[in-house]
Amino acid sequence: WFEYHVGQTLFHVVQVVLGYMVMLAVMSYNGWIFLGAIVGSTLGYFVVYPLLGRG
């Protein structure tokens, strides 16, 4: 149980850090970086969603 909880905690930390990094990149007000974040998010969702077993 403890190892699973530590793994989940570390995964959450990575998600938060990456989220803040993307937010800082978008807040640079560079249109291409904003577009890249949107396209990357869209493609990532499109590719990963079927692997989650819900699609």
PDB file of N, CA and C in Angstrom:
ATOM      1  N   TRP A   1       0.825  -1.200   0.000  1.00  0.00           N
ATOM      2  CA  TRP A   1       0.000   0.000   0.000  1.00  0.00           C
ATOM      3  C   TRP A   1       0.864   1.257   0.000  1.00  0.00           C
ATOM      4  N   PHE A   2       1.904   1.286   0.822  1.00  0.00           N
ATOM      5  CA  PHE A   2       2.731   2.476   0.955  1.00  0.00           C
ATOM      6  C   PHE A   2       3.446   2.799  -0.356  1.00  0.00           C
ATOM      7  N   GLU A   3       3.990   1.769  -1.027  1.00  0.00           N
ATOM      8  CA  GLU A   3       4.693   2.003  -2.286  1.00  0.00           C
ATOM      9  C   GLU A   3       3.745   2.547  -3.348  1.00  0.00           C
ATOM     10  N   TYR A   4       2.511   2.032  -3.381  1.00  0.00           N
ATOM     11  CA  TYR A   4       1.514   2.515  -4.326  1.00  0.00           C
ATOM     12  C   TYR A   4       1.192   3.981  -4.057  1.00  0.00           C
ATOM     13  N   HIS A   5       1.036   4.324  -2.797  1.00  0.00           N
ATOM     14  CA  HIS A   5       0.719   5.700  -2.421  1.00  0.00           C
ATOM     15  C   HIS A   5       1.872   6.647  -2.775  1.00  0.00           C
ATOM     16  N   VAL A   6       3.094   6.225  -2.552  1.00  0.00           N
ATOM     17  CA  VAL A   6       4.253   7.042  -2.917  1.00  0.00           C
ATOM     18  C   VAL A   6       4.304   7.226  -4.435  1.00  0.00           C
ATOM     19  N   GLY A   7       4.038   6.174  -5.183  1.00  0.00           N
ATOM     20  CA  GLY A   7       4.028   6.266  -6.645  1.00  0.00           C
ATOM     21  C   GLY A   7       2.959   7.229  -7.139  1.00  0.00           C
ATOM     22  N   GLN A   8       1.770   7.135  -6.567  1.00  0.00           N
ATOM     23  CA  GLN A   8       0.689   8.040  -6.943  1.00  0.00           C
ATOM     24  C   GLN A   8       1.038   9.483  -6.590  1.00  0.00           C
ATOM     25  N   THR A   9       1.681   9.687  -5.441  1.00  0.00           N
ATOM     26  CA  THR A   9       2.083  11.030  -5.023  1.00  0.00           C
ATOM     27  C   THR A   9       3.107  11.607  -5.984  1.00  0.00           C
ATOM     28  N   LEU A  10       4.104  10.825  -6.361  1.00  0.00           N
ATOM     29  CA  LEU A  10       5.125  11.297  -7.297  1.00  0.00           C
ATOM     30  C   LEU A  10       4.527  11.598  -8.669  1.00  0.00           C
ATOM     31  N   PHE A  11       3.593  10.764  -9.101  1.00  0.00           N
ATOM     32  CA  PHE A  11       2.922  11.001 -10.375  1.00  0.00           C
ATOM     33  C   PHE A  11       2.136  12.313 -10.320  1.00  0.00           C
ATOM     34  N   HIS A  12       1.479  12.576  -9.209  1.00  0.00           N
ATOM     35  CA  HIS A  12       0.738  13.830  -9.037  1.00  0.00           C
ATOM     36  C   HIS A  12       1.689  15.030  -9.077  1.00  0.00           C
ATOM     37  N   VAL A  13       2.828  14.912  -8.423  1.00  0.00           N
ATOM     38  CA  VAL A  13       3.806  16.007  -8.414  1.00  0.00           C
ATOM     39  C   VAL A  13       4.286  16.291  -9.839  1.00  0.00           C
ATOM     40  N   VAL A  14       4.559  15.251 -10.602  1.00  0.00           N
ATOM     41  CA  VAL A  14       5.008  15.435 -11.992  1.00  0.00           C
ATOM     42  C   VAL A  14       3.919  16.133 -12.799  1.00  0.00           C
ATOM     43  N   GLN A  15       2.661  15.735 -12.616  1.00  0.00           N
ATOM     44  CA  GLN A  15       1.563  16.368 -13.336  1.00  0.00           C
ATOM     45  C   GLN A  15       1.443  17.847 -12.983  1.00  0.00           C
ATOM     46  N   VAL A  16       1.561  18.166 -11.708  1.00  0.00           N
ATOM     47  CA  VAL A  16       1.445  19.562 -11.276  1.00  0.00           C
ATOM     48  C   VAL A  16       2.595  20.389 -11.839  1.00  0.00           C
ATOM     49  N   VAL A  17       3.821  19.868 -11.759  1.00  0.00           N
ATOM     50  CA  VAL A  17       4.982  20.598 -12.265  1.00  0.00           C
ATOM     51  C   VAL A  17       4.856  20.833 -13.765  1.00  0.00           C
ATOM     52  N   LEU A  18       4.470  19.814 -14.519  1.00  0.00           N
ATOM     53  CA  LEU A  18       4.303  19.985 -15.964  1.00  0.00           C
ATOM     54  C   LEU A  18       3.181  20.967 -16.268  1.00  0.00           C
ATOM     55  N   GLY A  19       2.109  20.920 -15.504  1.00  0.00           N
ATOM     56  CA  GLY A  19       1.017  21.860 -15.704  1.00  0.00           C
ATOM     57  C   GLY A  19       1.460  23.298 -15.494  1.00  0.00           C
ATOM     58  N   TYR A  20       2.235  23.530 -14.437  1.00  0.00           N
ATOM     59  CA  TYR A  20       2.731  24.883 -14.189  1.00  0.00           C
ATOM     60  C   TYR A  20       3.715  25.325 -15.273  1.00  0.00           C
ATOM     61  N   MET A  21       4.534  24.394 -15.778  1.00  0.00           N
ATOM     62  CA  MET A  21       5.471  24.747 -16.845  1.00  0.00           C
ATOM     63  C   MET A  21       4.716  25.157 -18.110  1.00  0.00           C
ATOM     64  N   VAL A  22       3.648  24.418 -18.450  1.00  0.00           N
ATOM     65  CA  VAL A  22       2.850  24.773 -19.619  1.00  0.00           C
ATOM     66  C   VAL A  22       2.168  26.120 -19.392  1.00  0.00           C
ATOM     67  N   MET A  23       1.661  26.344 -18.177  1.00  0.00           N
ATOM     68  CA  MET A  23       1.020  27.617 -17.869  1.00  0.00           C
ATOM     69  C   MET A  23       2.002  28.774 -18.036  1.00  0.00           C
ATOM     70  N   LEU A  24       3.216  28.616 -17.532  1.00  0.00           N
ATOM     71  CA  LEU A  24       4.216  29.675 -17.677  1.00  0.00           C
ATOM     72  C   LEU A  24       4.568  29.914 -19.140  1.00  0.00           C
ATOM     73  N   ALA A  25       4.648  28.844 -19.927  1.00  0.00           N
ATOM     74  CA  ALA A  25       4.942  28.998 -21.351  1.00  0.00           C
ATOM     75  C   ALA A  25       3.819  29.751 -22.047  1.00  0.00           C
ATOM     76  N   VAL A  26       2.575  29.405 -21.742  1.00  0.00           N
ATOM     77  CA  VAL A  26       1.431  30.072 -22.367  1.00  0.00           C
ATOM     78  C   VAL A  26       1.363  31.532 -21.920  1.00  0.00           C
ATOM     79  N   MET A  27       1.717  31.801 -20.671  1.00  0.00           N
ATOM     80  CA  MET A  27       1.654  33.166 -20.154  1.00  0.00           C
ATOM     81  C   MET A  27       2.758  34.057 -20.716  1.00  0.00           C
ATOM     82  N   SER A  28       3.617  33.506 -21.559  1.00  0.00           N
ATOM     83  CA  SER A  28       4.599  34.344 -22.242  1.00  0.00           C
ATOM     84  C   SER A  28       3.939  35.156 -23.351  1.00  0.00           C
ATOM     85  N   TYR A  29       2.648  34.889 -23.596  1.00  0.00           N
ATOM     86  CA  TYR A  29       1.857  35.578 -24.613  1.00  0.00           C
ATOM     87  C   TYR A  29       2.437  35.422 -26.013  1.00  0.00           C
ATOM     88  N   ASN A  30       3.101  34.304 -26.237  1.00  0.00           N
ATOM     89  CA  ASN A  30       3.578  33.971 -27.571  1.00  0.00           C
ATOM     90  C   ASN A  30       2.503  33.095 -28.216  1.00  0.00           C
ATOM     91  N   GLY A  31       1.944  33.571 -29.314  1.00  0.00           N
ATOM     92  CA  GLY A  31       0.855  32.852 -29.969  1.00  0.00           C
ATOM     93  C   GLY A  31       1.231  31.459 -30.428  1.00  0.00           C
ATOM     94  N   TRP A  32       2.471  31.289 -30.890  1.00  0.00           N
ATOM     95  CA  TRP A  32       2.895  29.964 -31.362  1.00  0.00           C
ATOM     96  C   TRP A  32       3.027  28.978 -30.209  1.00  0.00           C
ATOM     97  N   ILE A  33       3.508  29.452 -29.072  1.00  0.00           N
ATOM     98  CA  ILE A  33       3.608  28.566 -27.906  1.00  0.00           C
ATOM     99  C   ILE A  33       2.206  28.178 -27.425  1.00  0.00           C
ATOM    100  N   PHE A  34       1.292  29.153 -27.424  1.00  0.00           N
ATOM    101  CA  PHE A  34      -0.089  28.854 -27.051  1.00  0.00           C
ATOM    102  C   PHE A  34      -0.697  27.831 -28.001  1.00  0.00           C
ATOM    103  N   LEU A  35      -0.509  28.042 -29.293  1.00  0.00           N
ATOM    104  CA  LEU A  35      -1.028  27.101 -30.283  1.00  0.00           C
ATOM    105  C   LEU A  35      -0.398  25.719 -30.108  1.00  0.00           C
ATOM    106  N   GLY A  36       0.899  25.682 -29.820  1.00  0.00           N
ATOM    107  CA  GLY A  36       1.572  24.402 -29.593  1.00  0.00           C
ATOM    108  C   GLY A  36       1.024  23.673 -28.375  1.00  0.00           C
ATOM    109  N   ALA A  37       0.703  24.413 -27.319  1.00  0.00           N
ATOM    110  CA  ALA A  37       0.127  23.792 -26.121  1.00  0.00           C
ATOM    111  C   ALA A  37      -1.249  23.217 -26.425  1.00  0.00           C
ATOM    112  N   ILE A  38      -2.045  23.941 -27.196  1.00  0.00           N
ATOM    113  CA  ILE A  38      -3.385  23.462 -27.544  1.00  0.00           C
ATOM    114  C   ILE A  38      -3.308  22.233 -28.449  1.00  0.00           C
ATOM    115  N   VAL A  39      -2.468  22.306 -29.473  1.00  0.00           N
ATOM    116  CA  VAL A  39      -2.324  21.178 -30.401  1.00  0.00           C
ATOM    117  C   VAL A  39      -1.751  19.961 -29.671  1.00  0.00           C
ATOM    118  N   GLY A  40      -0.758  20.185 -28.820  1.00  0.00           N
ATOM    119  CA  GLY A  40      -0.171  19.073 -28.072  1.00  0.00           C
ATOM    120  C   GLY A  40      -1.168  18.424 -27.131  1.00  0.00           C
ATOM    121  N   SER A  41      -1.971  19.233 -26.479  1.00  0.00           N
ATOM    122  CA  SER A  41      -2.998  18.695 -25.592  1.00  0.00           C
ATOM    123  C   SER A  41      -4.037  17.894 -26.375  1.00  0.00           C
ATOM    124  N   THR A  42      -4.433  18.422 -27.520  1.00  0.00           N
ATOM    125  CA  THR A  42      -5.423  17.735 -28.351  1.00  0.00           C
ATOM    126  C   THR A  42      -4.883  16.412 -28.864  1.00  0.00           C
ATOM    127  N   LEU A  43      -3.679  16.428 -29.405  1.00  0.00           N
ATOM    128  CA  LEU A  43      -3.093  15.187 -29.919  1.00  0.00           C
ATOM    129  C   LEU A  43      -2.839  14.175 -28.809  1.00  0.00           C
ATOM    130  N   GLY A  44      -2.370  14.656 -27.665  1.00  0.00           N
ATOM    131  CA  GLY A  44      -2.142  13.752 -26.541  1.00  0.00           C
ATOM    132  C   GLY A  44      -3.418  13.072 -26.086  1.00  0.00           C
ATOM    133  N   TYR A  45      -4.495  13.829 -25.992  1.00  0.00           N
ATOM    134  CA  TYR A  45      -5.784  13.247 -25.611  1.00  0.00           C
ATOM    135  C   TYR A  45      -6.251  12.251 -26.659  1.00  0.00           C
ATOM    136  N   PHE A  46      -6.122  12.620 -27.936  1.00  0.00           N
ATOM    137  CA  PHE A  46      -6.566  11.755 -29.027  1.00  0.00           C
ATOM    138  C   PHE A  46      -5.817  10.425 -29.024  1.00  0.00           C
ATOM    139  N   VAL A  47      -4.521  10.460 -28.726  1.00  0.00           N
ATOM    140  CA  VAL A  47      -3.700   9.245 -28.771  1.00  0.00           C
ATOM    141  C   VAL A  47      -3.894   8.392 -27.524  1.00  0.00           C
ATOM    142  N   VAL A  48      -3.998   9.017 -26.354  1.00  0.00           N
ATOM    143  CA  VAL A  48      -4.000   8.267 -25.098  1.00  0.00           C
ATOM    144  C   VAL A  48      -5.382   7.770 -24.696  1.00  0.00           C
ATOM    145  N   TYR A  49      -6.447   8.478 -25.063  1.00  0.00           N
ATOM    146  CA  TYR A  49      -7.782   8.102 -24.597  1.00  0.00           C
ATOM    147  C   TYR A  49      -8.161   6.657 -24.922  1.00  0.00           C
ATOM    148  N   PRO A  50      -7.896   6.154 -26.139  1.00  0.00           N
ATOM    149  CA  PRO A  50      -8.232   4.744 -26.400  1.00  0.00           C
ATOM    150  C   PRO A  50      -7.440   3.773 -25.521  1.00  0.00           C
ATOM    151  N   LEU A  51      -6.272   4.163 -25.079  1.00  0.00           N
ATOM    152  CA  LEU A  51      -5.448   3.272 -24.250  1.00  0.00           C
ATOM    153  C   LEU A  51      -5.971   3.173 -22.826  1.00  0.00           C
ATOM    154  N   LEU A  52      -6.841   4.099 -22.436  1.00  0.00           N
ATOM    155  CA  LEU A  52      -7.380   4.091 -21.066  1.00  0.00           C
ATOM    156  C   LEU A  52      -8.479   3.045 -20.891  1.00  0.00           C
ATOM    157  N   GLY A  53      -8.932   2.431 -21.975  1.00  0.00           N
ATOM    158  CA  GLY A  53      -9.955   1.408 -21.889  1.00  0.00           C
ATOM    159  C   GLY A  53     -11.360   1.951 -21.806  1.00  0.00           C
ATOM    160  N   ARG A  54     -11.534   3.238 -22.057  1.00  0.00           N
ATOM    161  CA  ARG A  54     -12.869   3.831 -22.002  1.00  0.00           C
ATOM    162  C   ARG A  54     -13.422   4.099 -23.389  1.00  0.00           C
ATOM    163  N   GLY A  55     -12.556   4.049 -24.392  1.00  0.00           N
ATOM    164  CA  GLY A  55     -12.982   4.415 -25.738  1.00  0.00           C
ATOM    165  C   GLY A  55     -13.279   3.247 -26.624  1.00  0.00           C
TER     166      GLY A  55
END
